[in-house]
Amino acid sequence: MGEKRGAVLQRVADAVPQVDGRRARVAVDGIDGAGKTWFADDLARVLTGRGLTVQRLSIDDFLAPEVVRYARGRRSPEGYWLDSHDLPRFVRAVTAEPAGGPPGVVVVDGIFLHRDELVDLWDLRLFLDVAPELGFARMARRDGRSADPAAKENVRYSEGQKLYLAACDPPSRAHLVVDNTDVTTPTLVRRRTPLDPPTPAERAEPGAGDSGGA
């Protein structure tokens, strides 16, 4: 882990609040290819090194059944944004408390974590900011798909992410925004604590997200 990456992770770990009677819940959000899994894994290691009990979860492990995910069509951006995940099952996992021992922290990575149905779950909300072109280039290297967000095979995902960003404005809802353009030297570009007043986006009435894939 590079020095600058380590310093940013330490600052993020410093921002994890203590919560009376239950685990603190940390969300690491971002578009596809933002580096969420790697960042969340490293954050969990930092927190573990501080003597905390840490559980790692990913919303990728809580997909809805195919009949739900693709009900609007296999290339539907709306289906990707609204129907990808089994939200009730995911919420149960996030909120489940371990039996015995100190409560600790649950660190969760995944897309759409600032949606209306989930935003109030989190005690600390992160958004990893990268350009869509970079995110798809990373996925192309990882999965062998096209690096072009406008490619036919990518439209479901690129346009679905645009719907999420427009509906929920996750950078505004996040407590911490990290520029993760270079994963070795991320930059903390905005910080506010969970105790700061809500942003206008947080005060807004629920929008398109409240018809999600639950």
N, C-alpha and C. Protein backbone atom coordinates (compact mmCIF):
# COMPACT_ATOMS: atom_id res chain seq x y z
N MET A 1 0.85 -1.19 0.00
CA MET A 1 0.00 0.00 0.00
C MET A 1 0.89 1.24 0.00
N GLY A 2 0.67 2.15 -0.95
CA GLY A 2 1.47 3.35 -1.04
C GLY A 2 1.25 4.29 0.13
N GLU A 3 2.21 5.19 0.32
CA GLU A 3 2.13 6.11 1.47
C GLU A 3 0.90 7.00 1.39
N LYS A 4 0.62 7.56 0.20
CA LYS A 4 -0.52 8.47 0.09
C LYS A 4 -1.84 7.69 0.24
N ARG A 5 -1.92 6.52 -0.38
CA ARG A 5 -3.13 5.70 -0.22
C ARG A 5 -3.34 5.36 1.25
N GLY A 6 -2.27 4.97 1.91
CA GLY A 6 -2.37 4.64 3.33
C GLY A 6 -2.84 5.81 4.16
N ALA A 7 -2.35 7.02 3.84
CA ALA A 7 -2.75 8.20 4.60
C ALA A 7 -4.23 8.51 4.41
N VAL A 8 -4.72 8.37 3.18
CA VAL A 8 -6.15 8.60 2.93
C VAL A 8 -6.99 7.57 3.67
N LEU A 9 -6.58 6.32 3.65
CA LEU A 9 -7.33 5.28 4.35
C LEU A 9 -7.34 5.54 5.85
N GLN A 10 -6.25 6.02 6.39
CA GLN A 10 -6.22 6.35 7.82
C GLN A 10 -7.21 7.48 8.13
N ARG A 11 -7.29 8.47 7.25
CA ARG A 11 -8.23 9.58 7.47
C ARG A 11 -9.67 9.10 7.37
N VAL A 12 -9.93 8.18 6.44
CA VAL A 12 -11.27 7.61 6.35
C VAL A 12 -11.58 6.82 7.62
N ALA A 13 -10.63 6.02 8.07
CA ALA A 13 -10.85 5.25 9.29
C ALA A 13 -11.11 6.16 10.49
N ASP A 14 -10.43 7.30 10.53
CA ASP A 14 -10.65 8.27 11.61
C ASP A 14 -12.09 8.77 11.63
N ALA A 15 -12.73 8.79 10.46
CA ALA A 15 -14.09 9.34 10.34
C ALA A 15 -15.18 8.33 10.69
N VAL A 16 -14.82 7.06 10.88
CA VAL A 16 -15.83 6.05 11.23
C VAL A 16 -16.33 6.35 12.64
N PRO A 17 -17.62 6.62 12.82
CA PRO A 17 -18.10 7.00 14.15
C PRO A 17 -18.30 5.79 15.06
N GLN A 18 -18.26 6.05 16.34
CA GLN A 18 -18.69 5.04 17.30
C GLN A 18 -20.20 5.14 17.45
N VAL A 19 -20.86 4.00 17.43
CA VAL A 19 -22.31 3.95 17.50
C VAL A 19 -22.70 3.13 18.72
N ASP A 20 -23.53 3.67 19.56
CA ASP A 20 -23.94 2.96 20.76
C ASP A 20 -24.84 1.77 20.43
N GLY A 21 -24.47 0.60 20.93
CA GLY A 21 -25.35 -0.54 20.89
C GLY A 21 -25.37 -1.36 19.63
N ARG A 22 -24.60 -0.97 18.60
CA ARG A 22 -24.58 -1.74 17.37
C ARG A 22 -23.30 -1.43 16.60
N ARG A 23 -23.10 -2.18 15.51
CA ARG A 23 -21.94 -1.94 14.66
C ARG A 23 -22.09 -0.63 13.89
N ALA A 24 -20.98 0.04 13.65
CA ALA A 24 -20.96 1.15 12.70
C ALA A 24 -21.05 0.56 11.29
N ARG A 25 -21.77 1.27 10.42
CA ARG A 25 -21.99 0.79 9.05
C ARG A 25 -21.37 1.79 8.07
N VAL A 26 -20.45 1.29 7.27
CA VAL A 26 -19.69 2.13 6.34
C VAL A 26 -20.00 1.68 4.91
N ALA A 27 -20.37 2.62 4.06
CA ALA A 27 -20.67 2.34 2.65
C ALA A 27 -19.58 2.92 1.77
N VAL A 28 -19.07 2.10 0.84
CA VAL A 28 -18.09 2.54 -0.16
C VAL A 28 -18.77 2.39 -1.51
N ASP A 29 -19.21 3.53 -2.05
CA ASP A 29 -20.01 3.58 -3.28
C ASP A 29 -19.16 4.13 -4.42
N GLY A 30 -19.65 3.98 -5.63
CA GLY A 30 -18.99 4.51 -6.81
C GLY A 30 -19.52 3.80 -8.03
N ILE A 31 -19.22 4.33 -9.20
CA ILE A 31 -19.67 3.69 -10.43
C ILE A 31 -18.90 2.39 -10.64
N ASP A 32 -19.35 1.59 -11.60
CA ASP A 32 -18.61 0.39 -11.95
C ASP A 32 -17.18 0.76 -12.33
N GLY A 33 -16.22 0.02 -11.77
CA GLY A 33 -14.82 0.27 -12.08
C GLY A 33 -14.19 1.37 -11.26
N ALA A 34 -14.87 1.86 -10.23
CA ALA A 34 -14.31 2.95 -9.43
C ALA A 34 -13.23 2.47 -8.47
N GLY A 35 -13.14 1.17 -8.24
CA GLY A 35 -12.16 0.64 -7.29
C GLY A 35 -12.73 0.42 -5.90
N LYS A 36 -14.03 0.18 -5.83
CA LYS A 36 -14.72 0.08 -4.54
C LYS A 36 -14.25 -1.11 -3.72
N THR A 37 -14.13 -2.28 -4.36
CA THR A 37 -13.79 -3.48 -3.60
C THR A 37 -12.41 -3.37 -2.99
N TRP A 38 -11.45 -2.94 -3.78
CA TRP A 38 -10.07 -2.81 -3.29
C TRP A 38 -10.01 -1.78 -2.16
N PHE A 39 -10.69 -0.65 -2.33
CA PHE A 39 -10.67 0.39 -1.31
C PHE A 39 -11.31 -0.12 -0.02
N ALA A 40 -12.46 -0.78 -0.14
CA ALA A 40 -13.15 -1.30 1.05
C ALA A 40 -12.31 -2.38 1.74
N ASP A 41 -11.66 -3.24 0.96
CA ASP A 41 -10.80 -4.25 1.56
C ASP A 41 -9.67 -3.61 2.36
N ASP A 42 -9.04 -2.59 1.77
CA ASP A 42 -7.94 -1.92 2.47
C ASP A 42 -8.43 -1.18 3.71
N LEU A 43 -9.61 -0.56 3.60
CA LEU A 43 -10.16 0.12 4.77
C LEU A 43 -10.45 -0.88 5.89
N ALA A 44 -10.98 -2.04 5.54
CA ALA A 44 -11.23 -3.08 6.55
C ALA A 44 -9.94 -3.51 7.23
N ARG A 45 -8.85 -3.60 6.46
CA ARG A 45 -7.57 -3.98 7.06
C ARG A 45 -7.07 -2.91 8.02
N VAL A 46 -7.24 -1.64 7.65
CA VAL A 46 -6.83 -0.55 8.54
C VAL A 46 -7.63 -0.59 9.84
N LEU A 47 -8.93 -0.78 9.73
CA LEU A 47 -9.78 -0.82 10.92
C LEU A 47 -9.46 -2.04 11.78
N THR A 48 -9.19 -3.17 11.15
CA THR A 48 -8.79 -4.36 11.90
C THR A 48 -7.49 -4.11 12.64
N GLY A 49 -6.56 -3.40 11.99
CA GLY A 49 -5.30 -3.07 12.63
C GLY A 49 -5.46 -2.16 13.83
N ARG A 50 -6.59 -1.50 13.94
CA ARG A 50 -6.87 -0.66 15.11
C ARG A 50 -7.58 -1.45 16.20
N GLY A 51 -7.71 -2.75 16.02
CA GLY A 51 -8.29 -3.59 17.03
C GLY A 51 -9.80 -3.74 16.94
N LEU A 52 -10.39 -3.30 15.83
CA LEU A 52 -11.84 -3.40 15.66
C LEU A 52 -12.21 -4.73 14.99
N THR A 53 -13.38 -5.22 15.33
CA THR A 53 -13.93 -6.39 14.65
C THR A 53 -14.66 -5.91 13.40
N VAL A 54 -14.23 -6.38 12.23
CA VAL A 54 -14.73 -5.87 10.96
C VAL A 54 -15.34 -7.00 10.13
N GLN A 55 -16.53 -6.76 9.61
CA GLN A 55 -17.14 -7.65 8.63
C GLN A 55 -17.17 -6.93 7.29
N ARG A 56 -16.85 -7.66 6.22
CA ARG A 56 -16.91 -7.13 4.86
C ARG A 56 -18.11 -7.70 4.14
N LEU A 57 -18.89 -6.83 3.53
CA LEU A 57 -20.00 -7.25 2.68
C LEU A 57 -19.92 -6.51 1.35
N SER A 58 -20.52 -7.09 0.33
CA SER A 58 -20.65 -6.42 -0.97
C SER A 58 -22.07 -6.61 -1.46
N ILE A 59 -22.66 -5.55 -1.99
CA ILE A 59 -24.00 -5.67 -2.54
C ILE A 59 -24.02 -6.60 -3.75
N ASP A 60 -22.86 -6.83 -4.37
CA ASP A 60 -22.79 -7.77 -5.50
C ASP A 60 -23.21 -9.18 -5.10
N ASP A 61 -23.16 -9.49 -3.82
CA ASP A 61 -23.54 -10.82 -3.35
C ASP A 61 -25.03 -10.91 -3.03
N PHE A 62 -25.78 -9.87 -3.36
CA PHE A 62 -27.21 -9.84 -3.04
C PHE A 62 -28.02 -9.49 -4.29
N LEU A 63 -27.70 -10.15 -5.40
CA LEU A 63 -28.42 -9.92 -6.64
C LEU A 63 -29.84 -10.48 -6.54
N ALA A 64 -30.76 -9.79 -7.17
CA ALA A 64 -32.12 -10.31 -7.30
C ALA A 64 -32.12 -11.48 -8.28
N PRO A 65 -33.13 -12.34 -8.24
CA PRO A 65 -33.23 -13.42 -9.23
C PRO A 65 -33.27 -12.86 -10.65
N GLU A 66 -32.81 -13.65 -11.60
CA GLU A 66 -32.76 -13.19 -12.99
C GLU A 66 -34.13 -12.73 -13.49
N VAL A 67 -35.17 -13.42 -13.07
CA VAL A 67 -36.51 -13.05 -13.55
C VAL A 67 -36.86 -11.63 -13.11
N VAL A 68 -36.30 -11.18 -12.01
CA VAL A 68 -36.50 -9.80 -11.53
C VAL A 68 -35.51 -8.86 -12.22
N ARG A 69 -34.24 -9.24 -12.25
CA ARG A 69 -33.20 -8.36 -12.79
C ARG A 69 -33.47 -8.00 -14.25
N TYR A 70 -34.00 -8.95 -15.01
CA TYR A 70 -34.15 -8.74 -16.45
C TYR A 70 -35.60 -8.60 -16.88
N ALA A 71 -36.47 -8.31 -15.92
CA ALA A 71 -37.90 -8.17 -16.25
C ALA A 71 -38.14 -7.05 -17.25
N ARG A 72 -37.32 -6.01 -17.24
CA ARG A 72 -37.47 -4.87 -18.16
C ARG A 72 -36.66 -5.07 -19.44
N GLY A 73 -35.98 -6.21 -19.55
CA GLY A 73 -35.13 -6.49 -20.70
C GLY A 73 -33.67 -6.58 -20.29
N ARG A 74 -32.93 -7.44 -20.97
CA ARG A 74 -31.54 -7.69 -20.59
C ARG A 74 -30.63 -6.49 -20.85
N ARG A 75 -31.06 -5.56 -21.67
CA ARG A 75 -30.23 -4.38 -21.93
C ARG A 75 -30.85 -3.11 -21.33
N SER A 76 -31.80 -3.27 -20.44
CA SER A 76 -32.51 -2.12 -19.90
C SER A 76 -31.69 -1.40 -18.83
N PRO A 77 -31.35 -0.11 -19.03
CA PRO A 77 -30.69 0.66 -17.98
C PRO A 77 -31.56 0.79 -16.73
N GLU A 78 -32.88 0.96 -16.93
CA GLU A 78 -33.78 1.06 -15.77
C GLU A 78 -33.74 -0.22 -14.96
N GLY A 79 -33.68 -1.36 -15.64
CA GLY A 79 -33.60 -2.63 -14.94
C GLY A 79 -32.32 -2.75 -14.13
N TYR A 80 -31.21 -2.28 -14.68
CA TYR A 80 -29.94 -2.33 -13.95
C TYR A 80 -30.02 -1.48 -12.69
N TRP A 81 -30.51 -0.28 -12.81
CA TRP A 81 -30.56 0.66 -11.70
C TRP A 81 -31.61 0.26 -10.67
N LEU A 82 -32.77 -0.14 -11.11
CA LEU A 82 -33.88 -0.35 -10.18
C LEU A 82 -34.03 -1.78 -9.68
N ASP A 83 -33.59 -2.76 -10.46
CA ASP A 83 -33.97 -4.14 -10.17
C ASP A 83 -32.81 -5.09 -9.91
N SER A 84 -31.59 -4.60 -9.86
CA SER A 84 -30.44 -5.52 -9.79
C SER A 84 -30.34 -6.28 -8.48
N HIS A 85 -30.78 -5.66 -7.38
CA HIS A 85 -30.43 -6.22 -6.08
C HIS A 85 -31.66 -6.58 -5.25
N ASP A 86 -31.47 -7.59 -4.42
CA ASP A 86 -32.49 -8.02 -3.45
C ASP A 86 -32.28 -7.14 -2.21
N LEU A 87 -32.93 -5.99 -2.20
CA LEU A 87 -32.67 -5.01 -1.15
C LEU A 87 -33.10 -5.49 0.24
N PRO A 88 -34.25 -6.13 0.43
CA PRO A 88 -34.59 -6.60 1.77
C PRO A 88 -33.55 -7.56 2.34
N ARG A 89 -33.07 -8.50 1.52
CA ARG A 89 -32.06 -9.46 1.99
C ARG A 89 -30.76 -8.74 2.32
N PHE A 90 -30.41 -7.77 1.50
CA PHE A 90 -29.20 -6.99 1.74
C PHE A 90 -29.30 -6.21 3.05
N VAL A 91 -30.42 -5.54 3.27
CA VAL A 91 -30.59 -4.76 4.49
C VAL A 91 -30.53 -5.66 5.73
N ARG A 92 -31.12 -6.84 5.64
CA ARG A 92 -31.05 -7.76 6.78
C ARG A 92 -29.61 -8.13 7.11
N ALA A 93 -28.80 -8.35 6.09
CA ALA A 93 -27.40 -8.71 6.32
C ALA A 93 -26.62 -7.55 6.92
N VAL A 94 -26.87 -6.35 6.42
CA VAL A 94 -26.14 -5.17 6.92
C VAL A 94 -26.50 -4.89 8.38
N THR A 95 -27.75 -5.06 8.72
CA THR A 95 -28.21 -4.68 10.05
C THR A 95 -28.13 -5.81 11.07
N ALA A 96 -27.81 -7.03 10.64
CA ALA A 96 -27.67 -8.14 11.58
C ALA A 96 -26.50 -7.88 12.52
N GLU A 97 -26.70 -8.13 13.79
CA GLU A 97 -25.66 -7.91 14.78
C GLU A 97 -25.06 -9.24 15.22
N PRO A 98 -23.74 -9.32 15.31
CA PRO A 98 -23.11 -10.57 15.75
C PRO A 98 -23.45 -10.85 17.21
N ALA A 99 -23.50 -12.12 17.54
CA ALA A 99 -23.78 -12.51 18.92
C ALA A 99 -22.50 -12.48 19.74
N GLY A 100 -22.53 -11.71 20.81
CA GLY A 100 -21.39 -11.66 21.70
C GLY A 100 -20.25 -10.81 21.17
N GLY A 101 -19.40 -10.34 22.05
CA GLY A 101 -18.25 -9.55 21.66
C GLY A 101 -18.61 -8.12 21.34
N PRO A 102 -17.60 -7.30 21.04
CA PRO A 102 -17.85 -5.89 20.71
C PRO A 102 -18.55 -5.76 19.37
N PRO A 103 -19.36 -4.72 19.19
CA PRO A 103 -20.12 -4.58 17.94
C PRO A 103 -19.24 -4.45 16.69
N GLY A 104 -18.18 -3.62 16.74
CA GLY A 104 -17.29 -3.49 15.59
C GLY A 104 -17.87 -2.66 14.47
N VAL A 105 -17.47 -3.01 13.23
CA VAL A 105 -17.79 -2.24 12.03
C VAL A 105 -18.14 -3.20 10.90
N VAL A 106 -19.12 -2.83 10.08
CA VAL A 106 -19.37 -3.54 8.83
C VAL A 106 -19.05 -2.58 7.69
N VAL A 107 -18.16 -3.00 6.80
CA VAL A 107 -17.72 -2.21 5.66
C VAL A 107 -18.32 -2.83 4.40
N VAL A 108 -19.09 -2.05 3.68
CA VAL A 108 -19.86 -2.56 2.54
C VAL A 108 -19.44 -1.81 1.28
N ASP A 109 -19.17 -2.54 0.22
CA ASP A 109 -18.90 -1.90 -1.06
C ASP A 109 -20.00 -2.23 -2.05
N GLY A 110 -20.16 -1.37 -3.04
CA GLY A 110 -21.11 -1.65 -4.10
C GLY A 110 -21.68 -0.41 -4.73
N ILE A 111 -22.33 -0.64 -5.85
CA ILE A 111 -22.97 0.44 -6.58
C ILE A 111 -24.36 0.70 -5.99
N PHE A 112 -24.84 1.94 -6.13
CA PHE A 112 -26.20 2.35 -5.76
C PHE A 112 -26.42 2.39 -4.24
N LEU A 113 -25.37 2.51 -3.44
CA LEU A 113 -25.53 2.46 -1.99
C LEU A 113 -26.12 3.74 -1.41
N HIS A 114 -26.16 4.81 -2.20
CA HIS A 114 -26.78 6.06 -1.74
C HIS A 114 -28.22 6.20 -2.22
N ARG A 115 -28.80 5.14 -2.73
CA ARG A 115 -30.19 5.21 -3.18
C ARG A 115 -31.09 5.47 -1.98
N ASP A 116 -32.29 5.96 -2.25
CA ASP A 116 -33.18 6.39 -1.17
C ASP A 116 -33.47 5.28 -0.16
N GLU A 117 -33.60 4.04 -0.64
CA GLU A 117 -33.93 2.94 0.25
C GLU A 117 -32.79 2.57 1.19
N LEU A 118 -31.55 2.96 0.87
CA LEU A 118 -30.39 2.53 1.63
C LEU A 118 -29.65 3.67 2.33
N VAL A 119 -29.84 4.89 1.91
CA VAL A 119 -28.96 5.97 2.34
C VAL A 119 -28.95 6.13 3.86
N ASP A 120 -30.07 5.90 4.53
CA ASP A 120 -30.13 6.09 5.97
C ASP A 120 -29.54 4.93 6.76
N LEU A 121 -29.13 3.86 6.08
CA LEU A 121 -28.48 2.74 6.77
C LEU A 121 -27.11 3.12 7.31
N TRP A 122 -26.44 4.05 6.63
CA TRP A 122 -25.00 4.19 6.79
C TRP A 122 -24.63 5.25 7.82
N ASP A 123 -23.64 4.91 8.65
CA ASP A 123 -23.09 5.88 9.59
C ASP A 123 -21.95 6.68 8.96
N LEU A 124 -21.33 6.12 7.95
CA LEU A 124 -20.31 6.84 7.17
C LEU A 124 -20.49 6.44 5.72
N ARG A 125 -20.64 7.46 4.86
CA ARG A 125 -20.90 7.22 3.44
C ARG A 125 -19.74 7.78 2.61
N LEU A 126 -19.15 6.92 1.78
CA LEU A 126 -18.07 7.31 0.88
C LEU A 126 -18.54 7.19 -0.56
N PHE A 127 -18.03 8.08 -1.40
CA PHE A 127 -18.22 7.95 -2.84
C PHE A 127 -16.86 8.08 -3.49
N LEU A 128 -16.47 7.04 -4.26
CA LEU A 128 -15.23 7.06 -5.02
C LEU A 128 -15.50 7.64 -6.39
N ASP A 129 -14.87 8.73 -6.71
CA ASP A 129 -15.15 9.48 -7.93
C ASP A 129 -14.11 9.16 -9.00
N VAL A 130 -14.58 8.62 -10.12
CA VAL A 130 -13.73 8.41 -11.30
C VAL A 130 -14.56 8.73 -12.53
N ALA A 131 -13.89 9.08 -13.62
CA ALA A 131 -14.58 9.33 -14.88
C ALA A 131 -15.15 8.02 -15.41
N PRO A 132 -16.34 8.05 -16.01
CA PRO A 132 -16.91 6.81 -16.56
C PRO A 132 -15.99 6.11 -17.54
N GLU A 133 -15.28 6.86 -18.36
CA GLU A 133 -14.38 6.25 -19.34
C GLU A 133 -13.29 5.43 -18.64
N LEU A 134 -12.81 5.94 -17.51
CA LEU A 134 -11.80 5.21 -16.76
C LEU A 134 -12.39 3.97 -16.12
N GLY A 135 -13.59 4.09 -15.56
CA GLY A 135 -14.24 2.93 -14.96
C GLY A 135 -14.43 1.82 -15.96
N PHE A 136 -14.89 2.15 -17.17
CA PHE A 136 -15.11 1.10 -18.17
C PHE A 136 -13.79 0.56 -18.71
N ALA A 137 -12.75 1.39 -18.75
CA ALA A 137 -11.44 0.89 -19.15
C ALA A 137 -10.93 -0.15 -18.15
N ARG A 138 -11.15 0.11 -16.87
CA ARG A 138 -10.74 -0.85 -15.85
C ARG A 138 -11.53 -2.15 -15.99
N MET A 139 -12.84 -2.04 -16.23
CA MET A 139 -13.65 -3.25 -16.39
C MET A 139 -13.26 -4.01 -17.64
N ALA A 140 -12.85 -3.30 -18.67
CA ALA A 140 -12.41 -3.97 -19.89
C ALA A 140 -11.18 -4.83 -19.62
N ARG A 141 -10.25 -4.29 -18.84
CA ARG A 141 -9.06 -5.06 -18.49
C ARG A 141 -9.43 -6.24 -17.60
N ARG A 142 -10.40 -6.04 -16.71
CA ARG A 142 -10.78 -7.09 -15.77
C ARG A 142 -11.64 -8.17 -16.41
N ASP A 143 -12.60 -7.75 -17.23
CA ASP A 143 -13.63 -8.68 -17.73
C ASP A 143 -13.53 -8.97 -19.21
N GLY A 144 -12.67 -8.25 -19.94
CA GLY A 144 -12.54 -8.48 -21.37
C GLY A 144 -13.64 -7.87 -22.21
N ARG A 145 -14.43 -6.97 -21.62
CA ARG A 145 -15.49 -6.33 -22.39
C ARG A 145 -14.97 -5.06 -23.04
N SER A 146 -15.79 -4.41 -23.86
CA SER A 146 -15.40 -3.17 -24.50
C SER A 146 -15.16 -2.09 -23.47
N ALA A 147 -14.17 -1.23 -23.75
CA ALA A 147 -13.89 -0.10 -22.87
C ALA A 147 -14.76 1.11 -23.17
N ASP A 148 -15.56 1.04 -24.21
CA ASP A 148 -16.39 2.17 -24.62
C ASP A 148 -17.71 2.14 -23.86
N PRO A 149 -18.02 3.16 -23.03
CA PRO A 149 -19.30 3.15 -22.30
C PRO A 149 -20.52 3.10 -23.22
N ALA A 150 -20.36 3.58 -24.45
CA ALA A 150 -21.48 3.60 -25.39
C ALA A 150 -21.62 2.32 -26.19
N ALA A 151 -20.70 1.37 -25.99
CA ALA A 151 -20.80 0.09 -26.71
C ALA A 151 -22.08 -0.63 -26.32
N LYS A 152 -22.65 -1.38 -27.26
CA LYS A 152 -23.94 -2.03 -27.03
C LYS A 152 -23.95 -2.86 -25.75
N GLU A 153 -22.87 -3.57 -25.50
CA GLU A 153 -22.81 -4.44 -24.33
C GLU A 153 -22.72 -3.66 -23.02
N ASN A 154 -22.39 -2.36 -23.10
CA ASN A 154 -22.20 -1.55 -21.89
C ASN A 154 -23.34 -0.58 -21.61
N VAL A 155 -24.25 -0.40 -22.56
CA VAL A 155 -25.27 0.65 -22.41
C VAL A 155 -26.13 0.41 -21.18
N ARG A 156 -26.49 -0.84 -20.90
CA ARG A 156 -27.28 -1.13 -19.70
C ARG A 156 -26.62 -0.53 -18.46
N TYR A 157 -25.31 -0.67 -18.38
CA TYR A 157 -24.58 -0.27 -17.18
C TYR A 157 -24.28 1.23 -17.19
N SER A 158 -23.79 1.74 -18.30
CA SER A 158 -23.43 3.16 -18.33
C SER A 158 -24.66 4.05 -18.18
N GLU A 159 -25.75 3.71 -18.88
CA GLU A 159 -26.96 4.51 -18.77
C GLU A 159 -27.66 4.29 -17.43
N GLY A 160 -27.59 3.07 -16.89
CA GLY A 160 -28.15 2.82 -15.58
C GLY A 160 -27.46 3.62 -14.49
N GLN A 161 -26.15 3.75 -14.61
CA GLN A 161 -25.41 4.57 -13.65
C GLN A 161 -25.79 6.04 -13.77
N LYS A 162 -26.01 6.51 -14.99
CA LYS A 162 -26.44 7.89 -15.16
C LYS A 162 -27.79 8.14 -14.49
N LEU A 163 -28.69 7.16 -14.57
CA LEU A 163 -29.98 7.30 -13.92
C LEU A 163 -29.80 7.41 -12.40
N TYR A 164 -28.94 6.60 -11.85
CA TYR A 164 -28.66 6.65 -10.41
C TYR A 164 -28.06 7.99 -10.01
N LEU A 165 -27.06 8.44 -10.75
CA LEU A 165 -26.41 9.70 -10.41
C LEU A 165 -27.39 10.86 -10.48
N ALA A 166 -28.27 10.84 -11.47
CA ALA A 166 -29.25 11.92 -11.61
C ALA A 166 -30.30 11.87 -10.50
N ALA A 167 -30.71 10.66 -10.11
CA ALA A 167 -31.78 10.52 -9.12
C ALA A 167 -31.30 10.80 -7.71
N CYS A 168 -30.07 10.43 -7.39
CA CYS A 168 -29.62 10.44 -5.99
C CYS A 168 -28.44 11.35 -5.69
N ASP A 169 -27.73 11.81 -6.71
CA ASP A 169 -26.58 12.69 -6.52
C ASP A 169 -25.68 12.18 -5.39
N PRO A 170 -25.13 10.97 -5.51
CA PRO A 170 -24.38 10.39 -4.40
C PRO A 170 -23.19 11.21 -3.93
N PRO A 171 -22.46 11.97 -4.79
CA PRO A 171 -21.38 12.78 -4.21
C PRO A 171 -21.89 13.80 -3.19
N SER A 172 -23.10 14.31 -3.40
CA SER A 172 -23.66 15.25 -2.45
C SER A 172 -24.10 14.57 -1.17
N ARG A 173 -24.59 13.35 -1.26
CA ARG A 173 -25.05 12.63 -0.08
C ARG A 173 -23.90 12.05 0.74
N ALA A 174 -22.74 11.85 0.12
CA ALA A 174 -21.62 11.20 0.79
C ALA A 174 -21.01 12.12 1.85
N HIS A 175 -20.53 11.51 2.92
CA HIS A 175 -19.75 12.25 3.91
C HIS A 175 -18.33 12.52 3.38
N LEU A 176 -17.79 11.56 2.65
CA LEU A 176 -16.44 11.67 2.09
C LEU A 176 -16.48 11.37 0.61
N VAL A 177 -15.84 12.20 -0.17
CA VAL A 177 -15.66 11.96 -1.60
C VAL A 177 -14.18 11.80 -1.87
N VAL A 178 -13.82 10.69 -2.51
CA VAL A 178 -12.42 10.37 -2.78
C VAL A 178 -12.23 10.31 -4.29
N ASP A 179 -11.29 11.11 -4.80
CA ASP A 179 -10.90 11.00 -6.21
C ASP A 179 -10.01 9.77 -6.32
N ASN A 180 -10.53 8.72 -6.97
CA ASN A 180 -9.81 7.46 -7.08
C ASN A 180 -9.31 7.22 -8.50
N THR A 181 -9.00 8.32 -9.20
CA THR A 181 -8.48 8.21 -10.56
C THR A 181 -7.22 7.37 -10.59
N ASP A 182 -6.32 7.61 -9.66
CA ASP A 182 -5.12 6.80 -9.49
C ASP A 182 -5.29 6.04 -8.18
N VAL A 183 -5.50 4.73 -8.27
CA VAL A 183 -5.81 3.97 -7.06
C VAL A 183 -4.63 3.93 -6.09
N THR A 184 -3.42 4.21 -6.58
CA THR A 184 -2.26 4.21 -5.68
C THR A 184 -2.13 5.52 -4.93
N THR A 185 -2.71 6.59 -5.47
CA THR A 185 -2.62 7.90 -4.81
C THR A 185 -3.99 8.57 -4.82
N PRO A 186 -4.98 8.00 -4.13
CA PRO A 186 -6.30 8.64 -4.08
C PRO A 186 -6.21 9.97 -3.33
N THR A 187 -7.20 10.81 -3.58
CA THR A 187 -7.24 12.12 -2.94
C THR A 187 -8.58 12.33 -2.29
N LEU A 188 -8.57 12.71 -1.03
CA LEU A 188 -9.80 13.05 -0.34
C LEU A 188 -10.17 14.47 -0.72
N VAL A 189 -11.21 14.60 -1.55
CA VAL A 189 -11.52 15.91 -2.13
C VAL A 189 -12.62 16.64 -1.37
N ARG A 190 -13.39 15.94 -0.57
CA ARG A 190 -14.38 16.62 0.26
C ARG A 190 -14.65 15.78 1.49
N ARG A 191 -14.72 16.46 2.62
CA ARG A 191 -14.99 15.76 3.86
C ARG A 191 -15.97 16.57 4.69
N ARG A 192 -16.97 15.88 5.21
CA ARG A 192 -17.79 16.41 6.28
C ARG A 192 -18.11 15.24 7.19
N THR A 193 -18.41 15.49 8.43
CA THR A 193 -18.64 14.40 9.37
C THR A 193 -20.10 13.98 9.32
N PRO A 194 -20.40 12.77 9.80
CA PRO A 194 -21.80 12.35 9.84
C PRO A 194 -22.69 13.24 10.71
N LEU A 195 -22.09 14.07 11.57
CA LEU A 195 -22.89 14.94 12.43
C LEU A 195 -23.17 16.30 11.80
N ASP A 196 -22.58 16.57 10.64
CA ASP A 196 -22.85 17.84 9.97
C ASP A 196 -24.30 17.90 9.50
N PRO A 197 -24.83 19.11 9.29
CA PRO A 197 -26.22 19.23 8.82
C PRO A 197 -26.40 18.52 7.49
N PRO A 198 -27.61 18.02 7.21
CA PRO A 198 -27.85 17.34 5.93
C PRO A 198 -27.69 18.30 4.76
N THR A 199 -27.27 17.73 3.63
CA THR A 199 -27.15 18.51 2.42
C THR A 199 -28.54 18.71 1.81
N PRO A 200 -28.67 19.62 0.84
CA PRO A 200 -29.96 19.76 0.15
C PRO A 200 -30.45 18.46 -0.46
N ALA A 201 -29.52 17.65 -1.00
CA ALA A 201 -29.93 16.37 -1.60
C ALA A 201 -30.53 15.44 -0.55
N GLU A 202 -29.98 15.48 0.68
CA GLU A 202 -30.50 14.62 1.73
C GLU A 202 -31.85 15.11 2.24
N ARG A 203 -32.08 16.43 2.15
CA ARG A 203 -33.35 16.96 2.60
C ARG A 203 -34.45 16.83 1.56
N ALA A 204 -34.04 16.53 0.32
CA ALA A 204 -35.02 16.47 -0.78
C ALA A 204 -35.98 15.32 -0.58
N GLU A 205 -37.15 15.46 -1.18
CA GLU A 205 -38.12 14.37 -1.17
C GLU A 205 -37.57 13.18 -1.93
N PRO A 206 -37.92 11.93 -1.53
CA PRO A 206 -37.45 10.77 -2.29
C PRO A 206 -37.82 10.87 -3.75
N GLY A 207 -36.88 10.46 -4.61
CA GLY A 207 -37.11 10.60 -6.05
C GLY A 207 -37.26 9.25 -6.72
N ALA A 208 -36.63 9.11 -7.87
CA ALA A 208 -36.84 7.91 -8.69
C ALA A 208 -36.43 6.65 -7.96
N GLY A 209 -35.47 6.77 -7.00
CA GLY A 209 -34.97 5.58 -6.34
C GLY A 209 -35.99 4.84 -5.52
N ASP A 210 -37.10 5.46 -5.12
CA ASP A 210 -37.98 4.78 -4.19
C ASP A 210 -38.87 3.76 -4.85
N SER A 211 -38.71 3.51 -6.12
CA SER A 211 -39.40 2.40 -6.76
C SER A 211 -38.44 1.27 -7.08
N GLY A 212 -37.38 1.16 -6.26
CA GLY A 212 -36.28 0.25 -6.56
C GLY A 212 -36.63 -1.21 -6.53
N GLY A 213 -35.52 -2.02 -6.59
CA GLY A 213 -35.69 -3.43 -6.86
C GLY A 213 -36.05 -4.27 -5.66
N ALA A 214 -36.60 -3.69 -4.62
CA ALA A 214 -36.97 -4.49 -3.46
C ALA A 214 -38.09 -5.45 -3.79
